[in-house]
């Protein structure tokens, strides 16, 4: 992450501290990645994935992955309605039966709204898209089961402590992976083998 420097605004340095201090569910693994450089003068990005052993999926599959980017422009940007912007992505493989659910995209969007509300992450200018991809194999690949993937892209202007917005994004990631919700301060116990 960017380190404190005389040229880095104090608001962005504080936001970095808040992101580093935020504790997420143990199933969520984060890694810092290069952030976009052209959208805003200051930015930080992390990727996230759900650790497969915490789920019923085989260990070679990631049930959900995503990216969280925090942008900061001290001058603000009109479309943001503020000086910070959270830009997120979540991708998840779902049960093939989900392909026939006409409300899948609407349900996935409620994951975003609910996660922001439950994480106490006040915001404005929320927008995004939900894409459903259904794959069916034919011919020599006909034995392969069908696949359903959902992709949730959302962005919003965070208000208040930005660590809560990272927590909201991680909640969307966990929900998409099919993990049950956990109240704050509660740790999930692993399944018995």
Protein backbone atom coordinates (compact mmCIF):
# COMPACT_ATOMS: atom_id res chain seq x y z
CA UNK A 1 0.00 0.00 0.00
CA UNK A 2 1.01 3.59 -0.41
CA UNK A 3 3.01 4.83 2.54
CA UNK A 4 2.59 8.19 4.22
CA UNK A 5 4.37 10.84 2.22
CA UNK A 6 4.28 14.62 2.28
CA UNK A 7 2.44 14.62 -1.08
CA UNK A 8 -0.24 12.12 -0.04
CA UNK A 9 -3.36 13.79 1.41
CA UNK A 10 -4.02 13.07 5.08
CA UNK A 11 -7.55 11.85 4.22
CA UNK A 12 -6.12 9.12 1.97
CA UNK A 13 -3.49 8.11 4.53
CA UNK A 14 -6.29 7.78 7.12
CA UNK A 15 -8.35 5.70 4.68
CA UNK A 16 -5.37 3.34 4.19
CA UNK A 17 -5.07 2.95 7.97
CA UNK A 18 -8.76 2.13 8.23
CA UNK A 19 -8.51 -0.49 5.46
CA UNK A 20 -5.47 -2.13 7.09
CA UNK A 21 -7.15 -2.19 10.51
CA UNK A 22 -10.39 -3.83 9.29
CA UNK A 23 -10.70 -7.49 10.26
CA UNK A 24 -12.71 -9.71 7.93
CA UNK A 25 -14.05 -13.24 8.15
CA UNK A 26 -11.29 -15.86 8.22
CA UNK A 27 -12.55 -17.39 4.95
CA UNK A 28 -11.64 -14.21 3.05
CA UNK A 29 -8.08 -14.01 1.73
CA UNK A 30 -6.90 -10.59 0.46
CA UNK A 31 -3.91 -9.64 -1.66
CA UNK A 32 -2.87 -6.16 -2.70
CA UNK A 33 -2.69 -5.61 -6.46
CA UNK A 34 -1.75 -2.62 -8.60
CA UNK A 35 -4.48 -0.02 -8.51
CA UNK A 36 -5.70 1.91 -11.55
CA UNK A 37 -3.57 5.01 -12.01
CA UNK A 38 -5.58 7.05 -14.52
CA UNK A 39 -8.95 7.32 -12.79
CA UNK A 40 -7.86 9.20 -9.68
CA UNK A 41 -4.61 10.66 -8.29
CA UNK A 42 -4.64 8.21 -5.35
CA UNK A 43 -5.89 4.64 -5.28
CA UNK A 44 -5.44 1.28 -3.62
CA UNK A 45 -6.72 -2.12 -4.76
CA UNK A 46 -7.03 -5.58 -3.27
CA UNK A 47 -8.28 -8.86 -4.67
CA UNK A 48 -10.20 -11.26 -2.53
CA UNK A 49 -11.13 -14.89 -2.65
CA UNK A 50 -12.98 -17.28 -0.43
CA UNK A 51 -10.82 -20.10 0.86
CA UNK A 52 -12.37 -23.29 -0.54
CA UNK A 53 -11.80 -25.46 2.59
CA UNK A 54 -14.40 -23.32 4.38
CA UNK A 55 -17.00 -24.38 1.82
CA UNK A 56 -18.37 -27.61 0.41
CA UNK A 57 -16.55 -27.06 -2.88
CA UNK A 58 -13.46 -28.98 -3.94
CA UNK A 59 -10.22 -27.25 -2.97
CA UNK A 60 -9.29 -26.57 -6.61
CA UNK A 61 -12.32 -24.30 -7.09
CA UNK A 62 -12.72 -20.72 -5.87
CA UNK A 63 -16.39 -20.28 -5.00
CA UNK A 64 -16.09 -16.49 -5.27
CA UNK A 65 -13.42 -13.96 -6.18
CA UNK A 66 -13.40 -10.21 -6.49
CA UNK A 67 -11.68 -6.89 -6.36
CA UNK A 68 -12.08 -3.83 -4.15
CA UNK A 69 -10.62 -0.50 -5.31
CA UNK A 70 -10.66 2.71 -3.31
CA UNK A 71 -10.12 5.86 -5.38
CA UNK A 72 -9.39 9.32 -4.00
CA UNK A 73 -9.41 12.62 -5.83
CA UNK A 74 -8.98 15.57 -3.42
CA UNK A 75 -10.69 17.82 -5.99
CA UNK A 76 -13.66 15.44 -6.17
CA UNK A 77 -15.40 14.20 -9.26
CA UNK A 78 -18.93 15.23 -10.15
CA UNK A 79 -20.14 11.67 -10.87
CA UNK A 80 -18.83 10.51 -7.48
CA UNK A 81 -20.57 13.21 -5.46
CA UNK A 82 -17.51 13.22 -3.19
CA UNK A 83 -13.73 12.78 -3.05
CA UNK A 84 -13.63 8.98 -2.54
CA UNK A 85 -15.12 6.19 -4.63
CA UNK A 86 -15.31 2.46 -3.91
CA UNK A 87 -15.31 0.35 -7.09
CA UNK A 88 -16.01 -3.35 -6.61
CA UNK A 89 -16.31 -6.60 -8.49
CA UNK A 90 -17.50 -10.01 -7.29
CA UNK A 91 -17.63 -13.17 -9.42
CA UNK A 92 -19.10 -16.44 -8.23
CA UNK A 93 -20.08 -19.81 -9.61
CA UNK A 94 -23.60 -20.74 -8.56
CA UNK A 95 -25.67 -23.90 -8.50
CA UNK A 96 -26.79 -24.68 -12.10
CA UNK A 97 -30.42 -24.53 -10.94
CA UNK A 98 -29.91 -20.78 -10.40
CA UNK A 99 -29.89 -20.29 -14.19
CA UNK A 100 -33.66 -20.70 -14.31
CA UNK A 101 -34.34 -18.16 -11.56
CA UNK A 102 -35.73 -15.04 -13.27
CA UNK A 103 -34.92 -12.97 -10.16
CA UNK A 104 -31.25 -13.99 -9.89
CA UNK A 105 -29.85 -10.59 -10.91
CA UNK A 106 -32.28 -8.70 -8.66
CA UNK A 107 -31.42 -10.99 -5.75
CA UNK A 108 -27.69 -10.49 -6.31
CA UNK A 109 -28.18 -6.72 -6.29
CA UNK A 110 -29.91 -6.97 -2.90
CA UNK A 111 -26.70 -8.64 -1.63
CA UNK A 112 -24.95 -5.31 -2.31
CA UNK A 113 -27.64 -3.20 -0.65
CA UNK A 114 -27.93 -5.51 2.35
CA UNK A 115 -24.16 -5.74 2.85
CA UNK A 116 -23.81 -1.95 2.89
CA UNK A 117 -26.66 -1.63 5.38
CA UNK A 118 -25.47 -4.46 7.66
CA UNK A 119 -21.85 -3.23 7.65
CA UNK A 120 -22.93 0.25 8.77
CA UNK A 121 -21.34 1.67 5.62
CA UNK A 122 -23.13 4.93 4.80
CA UNK A 123 -22.82 5.87 1.15
CA UNK A 124 -24.32 7.77 -1.75
CA UNK A 125 -24.36 7.48 -5.55
CA UNK A 126 -24.64 3.66 -5.52
CA UNK A 127 -24.77 2.10 -8.95
CA UNK A 128 -23.83 -1.09 -10.69
CA UNK A 129 -24.67 -4.09 -12.82
CA UNK A 130 -25.31 -7.77 -12.28
CA UNK A 131 -24.52 -10.17 -15.11
CA UNK A 132 -25.59 -13.80 -15.27
CA UNK A 133 -23.64 -16.17 -17.55
CA UNK A 134 -25.03 -19.64 -18.26
CA UNK A 135 -22.73 -22.14 -19.97
CA UNK A 136 -23.93 -25.42 -21.42
CA UNK A 137 -21.57 -27.91 -23.08
CA UNK A 138 -22.27 -29.85 -26.29
CA UNK A 139 -20.73 -32.55 -28.46
CA UNK A 140 -17.58 -34.09 -27.02
CA UNK A 141 -18.05 -31.89 -23.94
CA UNK A 142 -21.70 -32.82 -23.36
CA UNK A 143 -20.79 -34.77 -20.20
CA UNK A 144 -19.64 -31.56 -18.54
CA UNK A 145 -22.24 -30.13 -16.15
CA UNK A 146 -23.78 -26.75 -16.88
CA UNK A 147 -22.28 -23.71 -15.16
CA UNK A 148 -23.82 -20.50 -13.89
CA UNK A 149 -21.66 -17.52 -13.02
CA UNK A 150 -22.83 -14.24 -11.58
CA UNK A 151 -20.77 -11.06 -11.82
CA UNK A 152 -21.62 -8.11 -9.61
CA UNK A 153 -20.05 -4.75 -10.39
CA UNK A 154 -20.90 -1.95 -7.99
CA UNK A 155 -19.51 1.44 -7.07
CA UNK A 156 -20.47 3.99 -4.48
CA UNK A 157 -19.20 7.04 -2.65
CA UNK A 158 -18.26 5.95 0.87
CA UNK A 159 -19.16 8.20 3.77
CA UNK A 160 -17.47 7.78 7.13
CA UNK A 161 -14.94 5.06 7.95
CA UNK A 162 -13.83 3.27 4.76
CA UNK A 163 -12.99 0.00 6.52
CA UNK A 164 -16.75 -0.58 6.82
CA UNK A 165 -16.97 -0.45 3.02
CA UNK A 166 -14.25 -3.10 2.67
CA UNK A 167 -16.27 -5.20 5.14
CA UNK A 168 -19.42 -4.68 3.07
CA UNK A 169 -17.63 -5.84 -0.09
CA UNK A 170 -16.28 -8.91 1.72
CA UNK A 171 -19.84 -9.69 2.85
CA UNK A 172 -20.98 -9.61 -0.78
CA UNK A 173 -18.10 -11.96 -1.62
CA UNK A 174 -19.13 -14.37 1.18
CA UNK A 175 -22.81 -14.23 0.23
CA UNK A 176 -22.01 -14.97 -3.42
CA UNK A 177 -19.90 -17.95 -2.28
CA UNK A 178 -22.85 -19.30 -0.30
CA UNK A 179 -21.40 -18.78 3.17
CA UNK A 180 -23.98 -18.24 5.90
CA UNK A 181 -24.08 -14.75 7.43
CA UNK A 182 -22.19 -14.23 10.69
CA UNK A 183 -22.97 -11.53 13.23
CA UNK A 184 -20.08 -9.19 14.07
CA UNK A 185 -17.65 -10.79 16.54
CA UNK A 186 -18.78 -14.37 15.84
CA UNK A 187 -16.32 -16.85 14.33
CA UNK A 188 -17.48 -19.74 12.17
CA UNK A 189 -16.46 -23.18 13.35
CA UNK A 190 -15.05 -25.53 10.73
CA UNK A 191 -17.03 -28.57 9.65
CA UNK A 192 -16.20 -31.85 11.33
CA UNK A 193 -14.65 -34.44 9.05
